[in-house]
Amino acid sequence: MGTTGAGDAEPAAPEPVLLTEPDGGTPEVVTTPDLLAAASGAIAAGYGPIAVDTERASGYRYSQRAYLVQVRR
């Protein structure tokens, strides 16, 4: 077994990058059927993985339906 010398230190880990907003900025909220059709077409025309996140209000006070759906490709 060899010995560890002073010049054998491991390199420092890179500084973490804080993610304060989505890459490319925050897109506009889709609020109309026409905007939904355009956004759906853009997603369908793309390639790669799709991320979906849904939010809902409390099922005890409100219905179980989704109140916010976020999709990112």
PDB file of N, CA and C in Angstrom:
ATOM      1  N   MET A   1       0.835  -1.188   0.000  1.00  0.00           N
ATOM      2  CA  MET A   1       0.000   0.000   0.000  1.00  0.00           C
ATOM      3  C   MET A   1       0.871   1.240   0.000  1.00  0.00           C
ATOM      4  N   GLY A   2       0.440   2.237  -0.784  1.00  0.00           N
ATOM      5  CA  GLY A   2       1.191   3.480  -0.851  1.00  0.00           C
ATOM      6  C   GLY A   2       0.779   4.410   0.273  1.00  0.00           C
ATOM      7  N   THR A   3       1.517   5.470   0.425  1.00  0.00           N
ATOM      8  CA  THR A   3       1.174   6.466   1.428  1.00  0.00           C
ATOM      9  C   THR A   3       0.517   7.651   0.743  1.00  0.00           C
ATOM     10  N   THR A   4      -0.255   8.381   1.495  1.00  0.00           N
ATOM     11  CA  THR A   4      -0.926   9.562   0.961  1.00  0.00           C
ATOM     12  C   THR A   4      -0.061  10.771   1.241  1.00  0.00           C
ATOM     13  N   GLY A   5       0.310  11.473   0.196  1.00  0.00           N
ATOM     14  CA  GLY A   5       1.127  12.661   0.356  1.00  0.00           C
ATOM     15  C   GLY A   5       0.279  13.907   0.418  1.00  0.00           C
ATOM     16  N   ALA A   6       0.898  15.030   0.688  1.00  0.00           N
ATOM     17  CA  ALA A   6       0.178  16.299   0.815  1.00  0.00           C
ATOM     18  C   ALA A   6      -0.459  16.714  -0.502  1.00  0.00           C
ATOM     19  N   GLY A   7       0.103  16.299  -1.644  1.00  0.00           N
ATOM     20  CA  GLY A   7      -0.450  16.688  -2.934  1.00  0.00           C
ATOM     21  C   GLY A   7      -1.566  15.783  -3.416  1.00  0.00           C
ATOM     22  N   ASP A   8      -1.990  14.798  -2.607  1.00  0.00           N
ATOM     23  CA  ASP A   8      -3.003  13.827  -3.010  1.00  0.00           C
ATOM     24  C   ASP A   8      -4.407  14.168  -2.512  1.00  0.00           C
ATOM     25  N   ALA A   9      -4.650  15.402  -2.114  1.00  0.00           N
ATOM     26  CA  ALA A   9      -5.967  15.782  -1.582  1.00  0.00           C
ATOM     27  C   ALA A   9      -7.018  15.684  -2.685  1.00  0.00           C
ATOM     28  N   GLU A  10      -8.220  15.286  -2.296  1.00  0.00           N
ATOM     29  CA  GLU A  10      -9.321  15.208  -3.263  1.00  0.00           C
ATOM     30  C   GLU A  10      -9.741  16.614  -3.678  1.00  0.00           C
ATOM     31  N   PRO A  11     -10.163  16.780  -4.935  1.00  0.00           N
ATOM     32  CA  PRO A  11     -10.612  18.111  -5.362  1.00  0.00           C
ATOM     33  C   PRO A  11     -11.874  18.527  -4.612  1.00  0.00           C
ATOM     34  N   ALA A  12     -12.032  19.824  -4.432  1.00  0.00           N
ATOM     35  CA  ALA A  12     -13.212  20.344  -3.730  1.00  0.00           C
ATOM     36  C   ALA A  12     -14.456  20.095  -4.570  1.00  0.00           C
ATOM     37  N   ALA A  13     -15.557  19.807  -3.901  1.00  0.00           N
ATOM     38  CA  ALA A  13     -16.841  19.612  -4.589  1.00  0.00           C
ATOM     39  C   ALA A  13     -17.305  20.949  -5.163  1.00  0.00           C
ATOM     40  N   PRO A  14     -17.967  20.929  -6.320  1.00  0.00           N
ATOM     41  CA  PRO A  14     -18.459  22.199  -6.885  1.00  0.00           C
ATOM     42  C   PRO A  14     -19.538  22.800  -5.992  1.00  0.00           C
ATOM     43  N   GLU A  15     -19.647  24.111  -6.062  1.00  0.00           N
ATOM     44  CA  GLU A  15     -20.682  24.810  -5.302  1.00  0.00           C
ATOM     45  C   GLU A  15     -22.059  24.428  -5.846  1.00  0.00           C
ATOM     46  N   PRO A  16     -23.057  24.226  -4.980  1.00  0.00           N
ATOM     47  CA  PRO A  16     -24.402  23.916  -5.473  1.00  0.00           C
ATOM     48  C   PRO A  16     -25.004  25.117  -6.215  1.00  0.00           C
ATOM     49  N   VAL A  17     -25.856  24.836  -7.169  1.00  0.00           N
ATOM     50  CA  VAL A  17     -26.541  25.879  -7.924  1.00  0.00           C
ATOM     51  C   VAL A  17     -27.958  26.000  -7.374  1.00  0.00           C
ATOM     52  N   LEU A  18     -28.318  27.190  -6.933  1.00  0.00           N
ATOM     53  CA  LEU A  18     -29.664  27.407  -6.406  1.00  0.00           C
ATOM     54  C   LEU A  18     -30.636  27.530  -7.571  1.00  0.00           C
ATOM     55  N   LEU A  19     -31.714  26.767  -7.516  1.00  0.00           N
ATOM     56  CA  LEU A  19     -32.737  26.817  -8.560  1.00  0.00           C
ATOM     57  C   LEU A  19     -33.883  27.688  -8.068  1.00  0.00           C
ATOM     58  N   THR A  20     -33.880  28.926  -8.497  1.00  0.00           N
ATOM     59  CA  THR A  20     -34.889  29.874  -8.022  1.00  0.00           C
ATOM     60  C   THR A  20     -36.015  30.094  -9.022  1.00  0.00           C
ATOM     61  N   GLU A  21     -35.834  29.614 -10.253  1.00  0.00           N
ATOM     62  CA  GLU A  21     -36.881  29.709 -11.267  1.00  0.00           C
ATOM     63  C   GLU A  21     -36.624  28.639 -12.316  1.00  0.00           C
ATOM     64  N   PRO A  22     -37.646  28.268 -13.071  1.00  0.00           N
ATOM     65  CA  PRO A  22     -37.459  27.247 -14.111  1.00  0.00           C
ATOM     66  C   PRO A  22     -36.464  27.702 -15.176  1.00  0.00           C
ATOM     67  N   ASP A  23     -35.733  26.748 -15.744  1.00  0.00           N
ATOM     68  CA  ASP A  23     -34.835  27.042 -16.846  1.00  0.00           C
ATOM     69  C   ASP A  23     -35.655  27.615 -17.993  1.00  0.00           C
ATOM     70  N   GLY A  24     -35.318  28.767 -18.450  1.00  0.00           N
ATOM     71  CA  GLY A  24     -36.081  29.405 -19.520  1.00  0.00           C
ATOM     72  C   GLY A  24     -37.193  30.309 -18.992  1.00  0.00           C
ATOM     73  N   GLY A  25     -37.298  30.471 -17.678  1.00  0.00           N
ATOM     74  CA  GLY A  25     -38.319  31.347 -17.105  1.00  0.00           C
ATOM     75  C   GLY A  25     -39.641  30.630 -16.843  1.00  0.00           C
ATOM     76  N   THR A  26     -40.585  31.371 -16.322  1.00  0.00           N
ATOM     77  CA  THR A  26     -41.901  30.831 -16.010  1.00  0.00           C
ATOM     78  C   THR A  26     -42.847  31.105 -17.168  1.00  0.00           C
ATOM     79  N   PRO A  27     -43.432  30.052 -17.752  1.00  0.00           N
ATOM     80  CA  PRO A  27     -44.352  30.280 -18.871  1.00  0.00           C
ATOM     81  C   PRO A  27     -45.669  30.895 -18.391  1.00  0.00           C
ATOM     82  N   GLU A  28     -46.401  31.452 -19.339  1.00  0.00           N
ATOM     83  CA  GLU A  28     -47.716  32.019 -19.018  1.00  0.00           C
ATOM     84  C   GLU A  28     -48.677  30.906 -18.600  1.00  0.00           C
ATOM     85  N   VAL A  29     -49.610  31.241 -17.745  1.00  0.00           N
ATOM     86  CA  VAL A  29     -50.632  30.294 -17.300  1.00  0.00           C
ATOM     87  C   VAL A  29     -51.642  30.091 -18.429  1.00  0.00           C
ATOM     88  N   VAL A  30     -51.993  28.846 -18.690  1.00  0.00           N
ATOM     89  CA  VAL A  30     -52.972  28.518 -19.732  1.00  0.00           C
ATOM     90  C   VAL A  30     -54.362  28.639 -19.117  1.00  0.00           C
ATOM     91  N   THR A  31     -55.180  29.546 -19.665  1.00  0.00           N
ATOM     92  CA  THR A  31     -56.482  29.828 -19.055  1.00  0.00           C
ATOM     93  C   THR A  31     -57.666  29.685 -20.004  1.00  0.00           C
ATOM     94  N   THR A  32     -57.400  29.410 -21.284  1.00  0.00           N
ATOM     95  CA  THR A  32     -58.499  29.294 -22.252  1.00  0.00           C
ATOM     96  C   THR A  32     -58.339  28.010 -23.059  1.00  0.00           C
ATOM     97  N   PRO A  33     -59.410  27.520 -23.653  1.00  0.00           N
ATOM     98  CA  PRO A  33     -59.308  26.328 -24.504  1.00  0.00           C
ATOM     99  C   PRO A  33     -58.330  26.509 -25.670  1.00  0.00           C
ATOM    100  N   ASP A  34     -58.282  27.710 -26.262  1.00  0.00           N
ATOM    101  CA  ASP A  34     -57.352  27.950 -27.369  1.00  0.00           C
ATOM    102  C   ASP A  34     -55.903  27.863 -26.908  1.00  0.00           C
ATOM    103  N   LEU A  35     -55.600  28.446 -25.749  1.00  0.00           N
ATOM    104  CA  LEU A  35     -54.241  28.359 -25.218  1.00  0.00           C
ATOM    105  C   LEU A  35     -53.886  26.925 -24.835  1.00  0.00           C
ATOM    106  N   LEU A  36     -54.851  26.171 -24.327  1.00  0.00           N
ATOM    107  CA  LEU A  36     -54.623  24.765 -23.989  1.00  0.00           C
ATOM    108  C   LEU A  36     -54.307  23.954 -25.245  1.00  0.00           C
ATOM    109  N   ALA A  37     -55.040  24.219 -26.333  1.00  0.00           N
ATOM    110  CA  ALA A  37     -54.769  23.516 -27.590  1.00  0.00           C
ATOM    111  C   ALA A  37     -53.367  23.842 -28.101  1.00  0.00           C
ATOM    112  N   ALA A  38     -52.969  25.099 -28.015  1.00  0.00           N
ATOM    113  CA  ALA A  38     -51.631  25.499 -28.466  1.00  0.00           C
ATOM    114  C   ALA A  38     -50.542  24.858 -27.601  1.00  0.00           C
ATOM    115  N   ALA A  39     -50.733  24.858 -26.274  1.00  0.00           N
ATOM    116  CA  ALA A  39     -49.751  24.255 -25.375  1.00  0.00           C
ATOM    117  C   ALA A  39     -49.670  22.749 -25.593  1.00  0.00           C
ATOM    118  N   SER A  40     -50.807  22.108 -25.785  1.00  0.00           N
ATOM    119  CA  SER A  40     -50.832  20.662 -26.035  1.00  0.00           C
ATOM    120  C   SER A  40     -50.105  20.323 -27.330  1.00  0.00           C
ATOM    121  N   GLY A  41     -50.305  21.137 -28.360  1.00  0.00           N
ATOM    122  CA  GLY A  41     -49.618  20.930 -29.629  1.00  0.00           C
ATOM    123  C   GLY A  41     -48.110  21.078 -29.494  1.00  0.00           C
ATOM    124  N   ALA A  42     -47.681  22.062 -28.706  1.00  0.00           N
ATOM    125  CA  ALA A  42     -46.245  22.272 -28.496  1.00  0.00           C
ATOM    126  C   ALA A  42     -45.626  21.091 -27.749  1.00  0.00           C
ATOM    127  N   ILE A  43     -46.338  20.564 -26.767  1.00  0.00           N
ATOM    128  CA  ILE A  43     -45.837  19.406 -26.014  1.00  0.00           C
ATOM    129  C   ILE A  43     -45.774  18.182 -26.920  1.00  0.00           C
ATOM    130  N   ALA A  44     -46.815  17.986 -27.730  1.00  0.00           N
ATOM    131  CA  ALA A  44     -46.860  16.831 -28.633  1.00  0.00           C
ATOM    132  C   ALA A  44     -45.767  16.901 -29.693  1.00  0.00           C
ATOM    133  N   ALA A  45     -45.405  18.105 -30.109  1.00  0.00           N
ATOM    134  CA  ALA A  45     -44.381  18.266 -31.142  1.00  0.00           C
ATOM    135  C   ALA A  45     -42.969  18.082 -30.590  1.00  0.00           C
ATOM    136  N   GLY A  46     -42.820  18.127 -29.283  1.00  0.00           N
ATOM    137  CA  GLY A  46     -41.506  17.989 -28.672  1.00  0.00           C
ATOM    138  C   GLY A  46     -41.082  16.541 -28.552  1.00  0.00           C
ATOM    139  N   TYR A  47     -39.973  16.328 -27.885  1.00  0.00           N
ATOM    140  CA  TYR A  47     -39.479  14.974 -27.648  1.00  0.00           C
ATOM    141  C   TYR A  47     -38.836  14.933 -26.264  1.00  0.00           C
ATOM    142  N   GLY A  48     -38.708  13.741 -25.734  1.00  0.00           N
ATOM    143  CA  GLY A  48     -38.083  13.571 -24.430  1.00  0.00           C
ATOM    144  C   GLY A  48     -39.110  13.380 -23.334  1.00  0.00           C
ATOM    145  N   PRO A  49     -38.613  13.294 -22.110  1.00  0.00           N
ATOM    146  CA  PRO A  49     -39.502  13.041 -20.970  1.00  0.00           C
ATOM    147  C   PRO A  49     -40.458  14.198 -20.705  1.00  0.00           C
ATOM    148  N   ILE A  50     -41.563  13.874 -20.062  1.00  0.00           N
ATOM    149  CA  ILE A  50     -42.560  14.866 -19.664  1.00  0.00           C
ATOM    150  C   ILE A  50     -42.736  14.766 -18.149  1.00  0.00           C
ATOM    151  N   ALA A  51     -42.761  15.915 -17.483  1.00  0.00           N
ATOM    152  CA  ALA A  51     -43.021  15.964 -16.049  1.00  0.00           C
ATOM    153  C   ALA A  51     -44.427  16.511 -15.833  1.00  0.00           C
ATOM    154  N   VAL A  52     -45.184  15.868 -14.938  1.00  0.00           N
ATOM    155  CA  VAL A  52     -46.543  16.317 -14.628  1.00  0.00           C
ATOM    156  C   VAL A  52     -46.667  16.456 -13.115  1.00  0.00           C
ATOM    157  N   ASP A  53     -47.207  17.569 -12.666  1.00  0.00           N
ATOM    158  CA  ASP A  53     -47.431  17.822 -11.246  1.00  0.00           C
ATOM    159  C   ASP A  53     -48.856  18.326 -11.097  1.00  0.00           C
ATOM    160  N   THR A  54     -49.599  17.765 -10.154  1.00  0.00           N
ATOM    161  CA  THR A  54     -50.969  18.227  -9.921  1.00  0.00           C
ATOM    162  C   THR A  54     -51.121  18.684  -8.483  1.00  0.00           C
ATOM    163  N   GLU A  55     -51.957  19.654  -8.286  1.00  0.00           N
ATOM    164  CA  GLU A  55     -52.258  20.177  -6.952  1.00  0.00           C
ATOM    165  C   GLU A  55     -53.768  20.204  -6.799  1.00  0.00           C
ATOM    166  N   ARG A  56     -54.219  19.964  -5.597  1.00  0.00           N
ATOM    167  CA  ARG A  56     -55.650  20.062  -5.333  1.00  0.00           C
ATOM    168  C   ARG A  56     -55.859  20.667  -3.961  1.00  0.00           C
ATOM    169  N   ALA A  57     -57.029  21.174  -3.741  1.00  0.00           N
ATOM    170  CA  ALA A  57     -57.382  21.714  -2.436  1.00  0.00           C
ATOM    171  C   ALA A  57     -57.727  20.543  -1.520  1.00  0.00           C
ATOM    172  N   SER A  58     -57.851  20.809  -0.270  1.00  0.00           N
ATOM    173  CA  SER A  58     -58.185  19.773   0.702  1.00  0.00           C
ATOM    174  C   SER A  58     -59.459  19.032   0.317  1.00  0.00           C
ATOM    175  N   GLY A  59     -59.404  17.700   0.281  1.00  0.00           N
ATOM    176  CA  GLY A  59     -60.571  16.892  -0.068  1.00  0.00           C
ATOM    177  C   GLY A  59     -61.663  16.944   0.980  1.00  0.00           C
ATOM    178  N   TYR A  60     -61.332  17.426   2.183  1.00  0.00           N
ATOM    179  CA  TYR A  60     -62.352  17.522   3.233  1.00  0.00           C
ATOM    180  C   TYR A  60     -63.262  18.722   3.023  1.00  0.00           C
ATOM    181  N   ARG A  61     -62.684  19.806   2.527  1.00  0.00           N
ATOM    182  CA  ARG A  61     -63.472  21.020   2.363  1.00  0.00           C
ATOM    183  C   ARG A  61     -63.938  21.217   0.923  1.00  0.00           C
ATOM    184  N   TYR A  62     -63.100  20.806  -0.035  1.00  0.00           N
ATOM    185  CA  TYR A  62     -63.405  20.997  -1.447  1.00  0.00           C
ATOM    186  C   TYR A  62     -63.475  19.639  -2.127  1.00  0.00           C
ATOM    187  N   SER A  63     -63.760  19.643  -3.404  1.00  0.00           N
ATOM    188  CA  SER A  63     -63.848  18.389  -4.155  1.00  0.00           C
ATOM    189  C   SER A  63     -62.454  17.780  -4.354  1.00  0.00           C
ATOM    190  N   GLN A  64     -62.411  16.571  -4.889  1.00  0.00           N
ATOM    191  CA  GLN A  64     -61.162  15.864  -5.125  1.00  0.00           C
ATOM    192  C   GLN A  64     -60.519  16.233  -6.463  1.00  0.00           C
ATOM    193  N   ARG A  65     -61.124  17.125  -7.223  1.00  0.00           N
ATOM    194  CA  ARG A  65     -60.592  17.451  -8.545  1.00  0.00           C
ATOM    195  C   ARG A  65     -59.294  18.261  -8.444  1.00  0.00           C
ATOM    196  N   ALA A  66     -58.502  18.192  -9.510  1.00  0.00           N
ATOM    197  CA  ALA A  66     -57.252  18.945  -9.561  1.00  0.00           C
ATOM    198  C   ALA A  66     -57.557  20.422  -9.820  1.00  0.00           C
ATOM    199  N   TYR A  67     -56.910  21.290  -9.081  1.00  0.00           N
ATOM    200  CA  TYR A  67     -57.091  22.725  -9.255  1.00  0.00           C
ATOM    201  C   TYR A  67     -55.929  23.342 -10.015  1.00  0.00           C
ATOM    202  N   LEU A  68     -54.808  22.646 -10.090  1.00  0.00           N
ATOM    203  CA  LEU A  68     -53.642  23.122 -10.811  1.00  0.00           C
ATOM    204  C   LEU A  68     -52.933  21.922 -11.400  1.00  0.00           C
ATOM    205  N   VAL A  69     -52.644  21.966 -12.685  1.00  0.00           N
ATOM    206  CA  VAL A  69     -51.890  20.910 -13.357  1.00  0.00           C
ATOM    207  C   VAL A  69     -50.715  21.588 -14.044  1.00  0.00           C
ATOM    208  N   GLN A  70     -49.500  21.129 -13.746  1.00  0.00           N
ATOM    209  CA  GLN A  70     -48.297  21.675 -14.358  1.00  0.00           C
ATOM    210  C   GLN A  70     -47.644  20.593 -15.211  1.00  0.00           C
ATOM    211  N   VAL A  71     -47.322  20.943 -16.447  1.00  0.00           N
ATOM    212  CA  VAL A  71     -46.699  20.014 -17.380  1.00  0.00           C
ATOM    213  C   VAL A  71     -45.446  20.687 -17.930  1.00  0.00           C
ATOM    214  N   ARG A  72     -44.363  19.927 -17.973  1.00  0.00           N
ATOM    215  CA  ARG A  72     -43.100  20.464 -18.505  1.00  0.00           C
ATOM    216  C   ARG A  72     -42.430  19.417 -19.371  1.00  0.00           C
ATOM    217  N   ARG A  73     -41.961  19.796 -20.514  1.00  0.00           N
ATOM    218  CA  ARG A  73     -41.188  18.890 -21.365  1.00  0.00           C
ATOM    219  C   ARG A  73     -39.822  19.491 -21.559  1.00  0.00           C
TER     220      ARG A  73
END
